[in-house]
PDB file of N, CA and C in Angstrom:
ATOM      1  N   MET A   1     210.991 218.594 125.445  1.00  0.00           N
ATOM      2  CA  MET A   1     212.259 219.035 126.208  1.00  0.00           C
ATOM      3  C   MET A   1     213.351 219.202 125.152  1.00  0.00           C
ATOM      4  N   ASP A   2     214.107 220.246 125.233  1.00  0.00           N
ATOM      5  CA  ASP A   2     215.287 220.486 124.382  1.00  0.00           C
ATOM      6  C   ASP A   2     216.361 219.507 124.803  1.00  0.00           C
ATOM      7  N   GLN A   3     216.833 218.825 123.718  1.00  0.00           N
ATOM      8  CA  GLN A   3     217.936 217.871 124.023  1.00  0.00           C
ATOM      9  C   GLN A   3     219.384 218.482 124.126  1.00  0.00           C
ATOM     10  N   ASN A   4     219.464 219.729 123.811  1.00  0.00           N
ATOM     11  CA  ASN A   4     220.678 220.496 123.869  1.00  0.00           C
ATOM     12  C   ASN A   4     220.747 221.421 125.170  1.00  0.00           C
ATOM     13  N   VAL A   5     220.132 220.898 126.239  1.00  0.00           N
ATOM     14  CA  VAL A   5     220.077 221.693 127.469  1.00  0.00           C
ATOM     15  C   VAL A   5     221.447 222.109 127.960  1.00  0.00           C
ATOM     16  N   LEU A   6     222.373 221.068 127.975  1.00  0.00           N
ATOM     17  CA  LEU A   6     223.653 221.292 128.594  1.00  0.00           C
ATOM     18  C   LEU A   6     224.760 221.741 127.577  1.00  0.00           C
ATOM     19  N   LYS A   7     224.367 221.851 126.261  1.00  0.00           N
ATOM     20  CA  LYS A   7     225.283 222.101 125.243  1.00  0.00           C
ATOM     21  C   LYS A   7     225.973 223.377 125.476  1.00  0.00           C
ATOM     22  N   GLU A   8     225.225 224.464 125.771  1.00  0.00           N
ATOM     23  CA  GLU A   8     225.792 225.845 125.921  1.00  0.00           C
ATOM     24  C   GLU A   8     226.682 225.872 127.123  1.00  0.00           C
ATOM     25  N   TYR A   9     226.169 225.207 128.208  1.00  0.00           N
ATOM     26  CA  TYR A   9     227.005 225.129 129.491  1.00  0.00           C
ATOM     27  C   TYR A   9     228.293 224.490 129.302  1.00  0.00           C
ATOM     28  N   LEU A  10     228.195 223.306 128.676  1.00  0.00           N
ATOM     29  CA  LEU A  10     229.399 222.529 128.488  1.00  0.00           C
ATOM     30  C   LEU A  10     230.424 223.203 127.542  1.00  0.00           C
ATOM     31  N   GLU A  11     229.902 223.984 126.517  1.00  0.00           N
ATOM     32  CA  GLU A  11     230.813 224.474 125.562  1.00  0.00           C
ATOM     33  C   GLU A  11     231.458 225.714 126.279  1.00  0.00           C
ATOM     34  N   SER A  12     230.809 226.424 127.210  1.00  0.00           N
ATOM     35  CA  SER A  12     231.410 227.504 127.892  1.00  0.00           C
ATOM     36  C   SER A  12     232.397 226.970 128.928  1.00  0.00           C
ATOM     37  N   ARG A  13     232.320 225.768 129.288  1.00  0.00           N
ATOM     38  CA  ARG A  13     233.254 225.104 130.264  1.00  0.00           C
ATOM     39  C   ARG A  13     234.046 223.980 129.644  1.00  0.00           C
ATOM     40  N   LYS A  14     234.338 224.140 128.402  1.00  0.00           N
ATOM     41  CA  LYS A  14     235.032 223.176 127.544  1.00  0.00           C
ATOM     42  C   LYS A  14     236.275 222.623 128.197  1.00  0.00           C
ATOM     43  N   LYS A  15     237.090 223.545 128.574  1.00  0.00           N
ATOM     44  CA  LYS A  15     238.392 223.176 129.223  1.00  0.00           C
ATOM     45  C   LYS A  15     238.280 222.451 130.441  1.00  0.00           C
ATOM     46  N   GLU A  16     237.377 222.825 131.326  1.00  0.00           N
ATOM     47  CA  GLU A  16     237.104 222.089 132.587  1.00  0.00           C
ATOM     48  C   GLU A  16     236.575 220.675 132.265  1.00  0.00           C
ATOM     49  N   VAL A  17     235.606 220.601 131.276  1.00  0.00           N
ATOM     50  CA  VAL A  17     235.063 219.282 130.939  1.00  0.00           C
ATOM     51  C   VAL A  17     236.138 218.342 130.434  1.00  0.00           C
ATOM     52  N   VAL A  18     237.023 218.923 129.518  1.00  0.00           N
ATOM     53  CA  VAL A  18     238.055 218.040 128.971  1.00  0.00           C
ATOM     54  C   VAL A  18     239.004 217.597 130.121  1.00  0.00           C
ATOM     55  N   THR A  19     239.378 218.504 131.030  1.00  0.00           N
ATOM     56  CA  THR A  19     240.256 218.158 132.046  1.00  0.00           C
ATOM     57  C   THR A  19     239.664 217.063 132.984  1.00  0.00           C
ATOM     58  N   MET A  20     238.312 217.229 133.282  1.00  0.00           N
ATOM     59  CA  MET A  20     237.614 216.211 134.089  1.00  0.00           C
ATOM     60  C   MET A  20     237.613 214.878 133.396  1.00  0.00           C
ATOM     61  N   MET A  21     237.383 214.876 132.112  1.00  0.00           N
ATOM     62  CA  MET A  21     237.260 213.609 131.354  1.00  0.00           C
ATOM     63  C   MET A  21     238.673 213.005 131.331  1.00  0.00           C
ATOM     64  N   MET A  22     239.694 213.802 131.132  1.00  0.00           N
ATOM     65  CA  MET A  22     241.063 213.206 131.110  1.00  0.00           C
ATOM     66  C   MET A  22     241.534 212.614 132.444  1.00  0.00           C
ATOM     67  N   ASP A  23     241.025 213.284 133.517  1.00  0.00           N
ATOM     68  CA  ASP A  23     241.298 212.806 134.853  1.00  0.00           C
ATOM     69  C   ASP A  23     240.638 211.433 135.046  1.00  0.00           C
ATOM     70  N   LEU A  24     239.367 211.381 134.719  1.00  0.00           N
ATOM     71  CA  LEU A  24     238.693 210.124 134.765  1.00  0.00           C
ATOM     72  C   LEU A  24     239.309 209.011 134.004  1.00  0.00           C
ATOM     73  N   TYR A  25     239.706 209.325 132.674  1.00  0.00           N
ATOM     74  CA  TYR A  25     240.427 208.382 131.864  1.00  0.00           C
ATOM     75  C   TYR A  25     241.700 207.981 132.549  1.00  0.00           C
ATOM     76  N   ASP A  26     242.482 208.886 133.137  1.00  0.00           N
ATOM     77  CA  ASP A  26     243.782 208.541 133.794  1.00  0.00           C
ATOM     78  C   ASP A  26     243.479 207.612 134.874  1.00  0.00           C
ATOM     79  N   GLN A  27     242.432 207.885 135.692  1.00  0.00           N
ATOM     80  CA  GLN A  27     242.114 206.991 136.788  1.00  0.00           C
ATOM     81  C   GLN A  27     241.742 205.624 136.348  1.00  0.00           C
ATOM     82  N   ASP A  28     240.982 205.494 135.312  1.00  0.00           N
ATOM     83  CA  ASP A  28     240.611 204.233 134.805  1.00  0.00           C
ATOM     84  C   ASP A  28     241.795 203.486 134.279  1.00  0.00           C
ATOM     85  N   ARG A  29     242.720 204.268 133.639  1.00  0.00           N
ATOM     86  CA  ARG A  29     243.864 203.574 133.062  1.00  0.00           C
ATOM     87  C   ARG A  29     244.878 203.132 134.153  1.00  0.00           C
ATOM     88  N   ILE A  30     245.002 203.892 135.260  1.00  0.00           N
ATOM     89  CA  ILE A  30     245.821 203.560 136.357  1.00  0.00           C
ATOM     90  C   ILE A  30     245.239 202.326 136.994  1.00  0.00           C
ATOM     91  N   LEU A  31     243.929 202.198 137.196  1.00  0.00           N
ATOM     92  CA  LEU A  31     243.268 201.066 137.766  1.00  0.00           C
ATOM     93  C   LEU A  31     243.560 199.812 136.905  1.00  0.00           C
ATOM     94  N   GLU A  32     243.449 200.060 135.576  1.00  0.00           N
ATOM     95  CA  GLU A  32     243.657 198.887 134.667  1.00  0.00           C
ATOM     96  C   GLU A  32     245.119 198.402 134.817  1.00  0.00           C
ATOM     97  N   ILE A  33     246.096 199.350 134.826  1.00  0.00           N
ATOM     98  CA  ILE A  33     247.514 198.980 134.980  1.00  0.00           C
ATOM     99  C   ILE A  33     247.647 198.210 136.311  1.00  0.00           C
ATOM    100  N   HIS A  34     247.077 198.688 137.329  1.00  0.00           N
ATOM    101  CA  HIS A  34     247.209 198.058 138.683  1.00  0.00           C
ATOM    102  C   HIS A  34     246.600 196.632 138.684  1.00  0.00           C
ATOM    103  N   ILE A  35     245.534 196.476 138.039  1.00  0.00           N
ATOM    104  CA  ILE A  35     244.912 195.121 137.991  1.00  0.00           C
ATOM    105  C   ILE A  35     245.816 194.184 137.234  1.00  0.00           C
ATOM    106  N   GLU A  36     246.274 194.632 136.063  1.00  0.00           N
ATOM    107  CA  GLU A  36     247.175 193.812 135.256  1.00  0.00           C
ATOM    108  C   GLU A  36     248.493 193.398 136.030  1.00  0.00           C
ATOM    109  N   SER A  37     248.962 194.341 136.784  1.00  0.00           N
ATOM    110  CA  SER A  37     250.139 194.058 137.536  1.00  0.00           C
ATOM    111  C   SER A  37     249.839 193.066 138.642  1.00  0.00           C
ATOM    112  N   GLU A  38     248.788 193.244 139.330  1.00  0.00           N
ATOM    113  CA  GLU A  38     248.343 192.185 140.339  1.00  0.00           C
ATOM    114  C   GLU A  38     248.155 190.842 139.749  1.00  0.00           C
ATOM    115  N   LYS A  39     247.573 190.755 138.548  1.00  0.00           N
ATOM    116  CA  LYS A  39     247.406 189.454 137.849  1.00  0.00           C
ATOM    117  C   LYS A  39     248.759 188.801 137.618  1.00  0.00           C
ATOM    118  N   LYS A  40     249.706 189.633 137.060  1.00  0.00           N
ATOM    119  CA  LYS A  40     251.040 189.132 136.772  1.00  0.00           C
ATOM    120  C   LYS A  40     251.705 188.691 138.038  1.00  0.00           C
ATOM    121  N   ILE A  41     251.615 189.314 139.133  1.00  0.00           N
ATOM    122  CA  ILE A  41     252.229 188.959 140.336  1.00  0.00           C
ATOM    123  C   ILE A  41     251.614 187.674 140.892  1.00  0.00           C
ATOM    124  N   ALA A  42     250.366 187.557 140.773  1.00  0.00           N
ATOM    125  CA  ALA A  42     249.643 186.314 141.230  1.00  0.00           C
ATOM    126  C   ALA A  42     250.077 185.100 140.401  1.00  0.00           C
ATOM    127  N   ALA A  43     250.136 185.269 139.034  1.00  0.00           N
ATOM    128  CA  ALA A  43     250.592 184.220 138.209  1.00  0.00           C
ATOM    129  C   ALA A  43     252.034 183.750 138.484  1.00  0.00           C
ATOM    130  N   GLU A  44     252.852 184.843 138.737  1.00  0.00           N
ATOM    131  CA  GLU A  44     254.275 184.552 139.033  1.00  0.00           C
ATOM    132  C   GLU A  44     254.392 183.748 140.327  1.00  0.00           C
ATOM    133  N   GLU A  45     253.626 184.118 141.281  1.00  0.00           N
ATOM    134  CA  GLU A  45     253.627 183.439 142.589  1.00  0.00           C
ATOM    135  C   GLU A  45     253.147 181.996 142.460  1.00  0.00           C
ATOM    136  N   ALA A  46     252.116 181.699 141.614  1.00  0.00           N
ATOM    137  CA  ALA A  46     251.584 180.439 141.432  1.00  0.00           C
ATOM    138  C   ALA A  46     252.624 179.537 140.758  1.00  0.00           C
ATOM    139  N   GLU A  47     253.381 180.154 139.793  1.00  0.00           N
ATOM    140  CA  GLU A  47     254.399 179.508 138.998  1.00  0.00           C
ATOM    141  C   GLU A  47     255.538 179.102 139.963  1.00  0.00           C
ATOM    142  N   ASN A  48     255.941 180.033 140.836  1.00  0.00           N
ATOM    143  CA  ASN A  48     256.979 179.772 141.771  1.00  0.00           C
ATOM    144  C   ASN A  48     256.544 178.608 142.694  1.00  0.00           C
ATOM    145  N   ALA A  49     255.320 178.571 143.131  1.00  0.00           N
ATOM    146  CA  ALA A  49     254.895 177.536 144.026  1.00  0.00           C
ATOM    147  C   ALA A  49     255.032 176.138 143.342  1.00  0.00           C
ATOM    148  N   VAL A  50     254.697 176.071 142.098  1.00  0.00           N
ATOM    149  CA  VAL A  50     254.812 174.875 141.309  1.00  0.00           C
ATOM    150  C   VAL A  50     256.289 174.432 141.159  1.00  0.00           C
ATOM    151  N   ILE A  51     257.119 175.408 140.876  1.00  0.00           N
ATOM    152  CA  ILE A  51     258.570 175.192 140.877  1.00  0.00           C
ATOM    153  C   ILE A  51     259.133 174.729 142.197  1.00  0.00           C
ATOM    154  N   GLU A  52     258.588 175.234 143.278  1.00  0.00           N
ATOM    155  CA  GLU A  52     259.157 174.835 144.539  1.00  0.00           C
ATOM    156  C   GLU A  52     258.623 173.309 144.776  1.00  0.00           C
ATOM    157  N   ARG A  53     257.497 172.979 144.436  1.00  0.00           N
ATOM    158  CA  ARG A  53     256.963 171.622 144.604  1.00  0.00           C
ATOM    159  C   ARG A  53     257.848 170.564 143.750  1.00  0.00           C
ATOM    160  N   MET A  54     258.201 171.033 142.631  1.00  0.00           N
ATOM    161  CA  MET A  54     259.055 170.167 141.786  1.00  0.00           C
ATOM    162  C   MET A  54     260.441 170.114 142.359  1.00  0.00           C
ATOM    163  N   LEU A  55     260.947 171.062 142.891  1.00  0.00           N
ATOM    164  CA  LEU A  55     262.322 171.058 143.520  1.00  0.00           C
ATOM    165  C   LEU A  55     262.231 170.207 144.788  1.00  0.00           C
ATOM    166  N   GLN A  56     261.112 170.313 145.616  1.00  0.00           N
ATOM    167  CA  GLN A  56     261.066 169.559 146.749  1.00  0.00           C
ATOM    168  C   GLN A  56     260.842 168.054 146.505  1.00  0.00           C
ATOM    169  N   ASP A  57     260.243 167.789 145.275  1.00  0.00           N
ATOM    170  CA  ASP A  57     260.094 166.383 144.940  1.00  0.00           C
ATOM    171  C   ASP A  57     261.433 165.704 144.697  1.00  0.00           C
ATOM    172  N   GLY A  58     262.392 166.466 144.115  1.00  0.00           N
ATOM    173  CA  GLY A  58     263.702 165.982 143.952  1.00  0.00           C
ATOM    174  C   GLY A  58     263.965 165.035 142.759  1.00  0.00           C
ATOM    175  N   THR A  59     262.985 164.684 141.975  1.00  0.00           N
ATOM    176  CA  THR A  59     263.108 163.784 140.906  1.00  0.00           C
ATOM    177  C   THR A  59     263.578 164.431 139.614  1.00  0.00           C
ATOM    178  N   LEU A  60     263.451 165.759 139.493  1.00  0.00           N
ATOM    179  CA  LEU A  60     263.836 166.375 138.255  1.00  0.00           C
ATOM    180  C   LEU A  60     264.976 167.329 138.539  1.00  0.00           C
ATOM    181  N   SER A  61     265.821 167.516 137.516  1.00  0.00           N
ATOM    182  CA  SER A  61     266.930 168.412 137.619  1.00  0.00           C
ATOM    183  C   SER A  61     266.398 169.810 137.472  1.00  0.00           C
ATOM    184  N   VAL A  62     267.240 170.808 137.937  1.00  0.00           N
ATOM    185  CA  VAL A  62     266.795 172.191 137.787  1.00  0.00           C
ATOM    186  C   VAL A  62     266.665 172.645 136.294  1.00  0.00           C
ATOM    187  N   ASP A  63     267.587 172.018 135.331  1.00  0.00           N
ATOM    188  CA  ASP A  63     267.371 172.256 133.962  1.00  0.00           C
ATOM    189  C   ASP A  63     266.054 171.688 133.437  1.00  0.00           C
ATOM    190  N   LYS A  64     265.709 170.501 133.931  1.00  0.00           N
ATOM    191  CA  LYS A  64     264.361 169.989 133.449  1.00  0.00           C
ATOM    192  C   LYS A  64     263.272 170.856 133.917  1.00  0.00           C
ATOM    193  N   ILE A  65     263.245 171.288 135.255  1.00  0.00           N
ATOM    194  CA  ILE A  65     262.190 172.072 135.871  1.00  0.00           C
ATOM    195  C   ILE A  65     262.086 173.343 135.052  1.00  0.00           C
ATOM    196  N   ALA A  66     263.175 174.059 134.689  1.00  0.00           N
ATOM    197  CA  ALA A  66     263.155 175.256 133.904  1.00  0.00           C
ATOM    198  C   ALA A  66     262.580 175.059 132.573  1.00  0.00           C
ATOM    199  N   SER A  67     262.821 173.892 132.009  1.00  0.00           N
ATOM    200  CA  SER A  67     262.341 173.543 130.710  1.00  0.00           C
ATOM    201  C   SER A  67     260.839 173.280 130.703  1.00  0.00           C
ATOM    202  N   ILE A  68     260.372 172.520 131.675  1.00  0.00           N
ATOM    203  CA  ILE A  68     258.976 172.266 131.869  1.00  0.00           C
ATOM    204  C   ILE A  68     258.166 173.473 132.251  1.00  0.00           C
ATOM    205  N   ALA A  69     258.711 174.310 133.130  1.00  0.00           N
ATOM    206  CA  ALA A  69     257.969 175.551 133.593  1.00  0.00           C
ATOM    207  C   ALA A  69     258.071 176.593 132.487  1.00  0.00           C
ATOM    208  N   GLY A  70     259.006 176.493 131.567  1.00  0.00           N
ATOM    209  CA  GLY A  70     259.176 177.508 130.612  1.00  0.00           C
ATOM    210  C   GLY A  70     259.687 178.857 131.137  1.00  0.00           C
ATOM    211  N   VAL A  71     260.567 178.669 132.108  1.00  0.00           N
ATOM    212  CA  VAL A  71     261.212 179.828 132.749  1.00  0.00           C
ATOM    213  C   VAL A  71     262.770 179.774 132.673  1.00  0.00           C
ATOM    214  N   PRO A  72     263.400 180.794 132.794  1.00  0.00           N
ATOM    215  CA  PRO A  72     264.853 180.817 132.690  1.00  0.00           C
ATOM    216  C   PRO A  72     265.420 179.978 133.801  1.00  0.00           C
ATOM    217  N   LEU A  73     266.542 179.263 133.569  1.00  0.00           N
ATOM    218  CA  LEU A  73     267.193 178.438 134.498  1.00  0.00           C
ATOM    219  C   LEU A  73     267.599 179.259 135.802  1.00  0.00           C
ATOM    220  N   GLN A  74     267.957 180.401 135.521  1.00  0.00           N
ATOM    221  CA  GLN A  74     268.430 181.239 136.691  1.00  0.00           C
ATOM    222  C   GLN A  74     267.317 181.494 137.717  1.00  0.00           C
ATOM    223  N   ARG A  75     266.019 181.580 137.237  1.00  0.00           N
ATOM    224  CA  ARG A  75     264.894 181.750 138.057  1.00  0.00           C
ATOM    225  C   ARG A  75     264.761 180.522 138.945  1.00  0.00           C
ATOM    226  N   VAL A  76     264.852 179.337 138.329  1.00  0.00           N
ATOM    227  CA  VAL A  76     264.732 178.009 139.176  1.00  0.00           C
ATOM    228  C   VAL A  76     265.871 178.007 140.211  1.00  0.00           C
ATOM    229  N   ARG A  77     267.066 178.377 139.774  1.00  0.00           N
ATOM    230  CA  ARG A  77     268.221 178.311 140.722  1.00  0.00           C
ATOM    231  C   ARG A  77     267.929 179.283 141.861  1.00  0.00           C
ATOM    232  N   GLN A  78     267.353 180.483 141.531  1.00  0.00           N
ATOM    233  CA  GLN A  78     267.045 181.491 142.637  1.00  0.00           C
ATOM    234  C   GLN A  78     266.029 180.991 143.602  1.00  0.00           C
ATOM    235  N   ILE A  79     265.073 180.337 143.098  1.00  0.00           N
ATOM    236  CA  ILE A  79     264.003 179.807 143.875  1.00  0.00           C
ATOM    237  C   ILE A  79     264.552 178.677 144.838  1.00  0.00           C
ATOM    238  N   GLU A  80     265.393 177.773 144.282  1.00  0.00           N
ATOM    239  CA  GLU A  80     266.125 176.766 145.004  1.00  0.00           C
ATOM    240  C   GLU A  80     266.949 177.394 146.086  1.00  0.00           C
ATOM    241  N   ALA A  81     267.685 178.510 145.794  1.00  0.00           N
ATOM    242  CA  ALA A  81     268.579 179.137 146.840  1.00  0.00           C
ATOM    243  C   ALA A  81     267.713 179.726 147.906  1.00  0.00           C
ATOM    244  N   ASP A  82     266.532 180.325 147.565  1.00  0.00           N
ATOM    245  CA  ASP A  82     265.662 180.940 148.505  1.00  0.00           C
ATOM    246  C   ASP A  82     265.145 179.797 149.424  1.00  0.00           C
ATOM    247  N   MET A  83     264.817 178.712 148.893  1.00  0.00           N
ATOM    248  CA  MET A  83     264.257 177.648 149.710  1.00  0.00           C
ATOM    249  C   MET A  83     265.353 177.115 150.684  1.00  0.00           C
ATOM    250  N   LEU A  84     266.584 177.013 150.277  1.00  0.00           N
ATOM    251  CA  LEU A  84     267.628 176.552 151.121  1.00  0.00           C
ATOM    252  C   LEU A  84     267.948 177.555 152.239  1.00  0.00           C
ATOM    253  N   GLN A  85     267.760 178.871 151.959  1.00  0.00           N
ATOM    254  CA  GLN A  85     267.885 179.909 153.037  1.00  0.00           C
ATOM    255  C   GLN A  85     266.805 179.827 154.086  1.00  0.00           C
ATOM    256  N   GLU A  86     265.680 179.402 153.668  1.00  0.00           N
ATOM    257  CA  GLU A  86     264.472 179.406 154.532  1.00  0.00           C
ATOM    258  C   GLU A  86     264.608 178.198 155.509  1.00  0.00           C
ATOM    259  N   GLN A  87     265.436 177.246 155.197  1.00  0.00           N
ATOM    260  CA  GLN A  87     265.470 176.049 156.041  1.00  0.00           C
ATOM    261  C   GLN A  87     266.266 176.261 157.318  1.00  0.00           C
TER     262      GLN A  87
END
């Protein structure tokens, strides 16, 4: 069987083939970006939950919590403010 069966067909439709391949690449890239975004959101939510537990414990200052969690002090203060509003 000739291994170049599709060669002539694909060459005659090169622009269409390239467009289809680029569309598939774009879809894969969009999916990758979405997955990375979801991972980042999940990690941030988990980090926030830990910070909330440390704030609820009350034994550490917001400065110390920010230092331990490796996050900006303003983020810890915002989480604390959100917790107070929820009460």
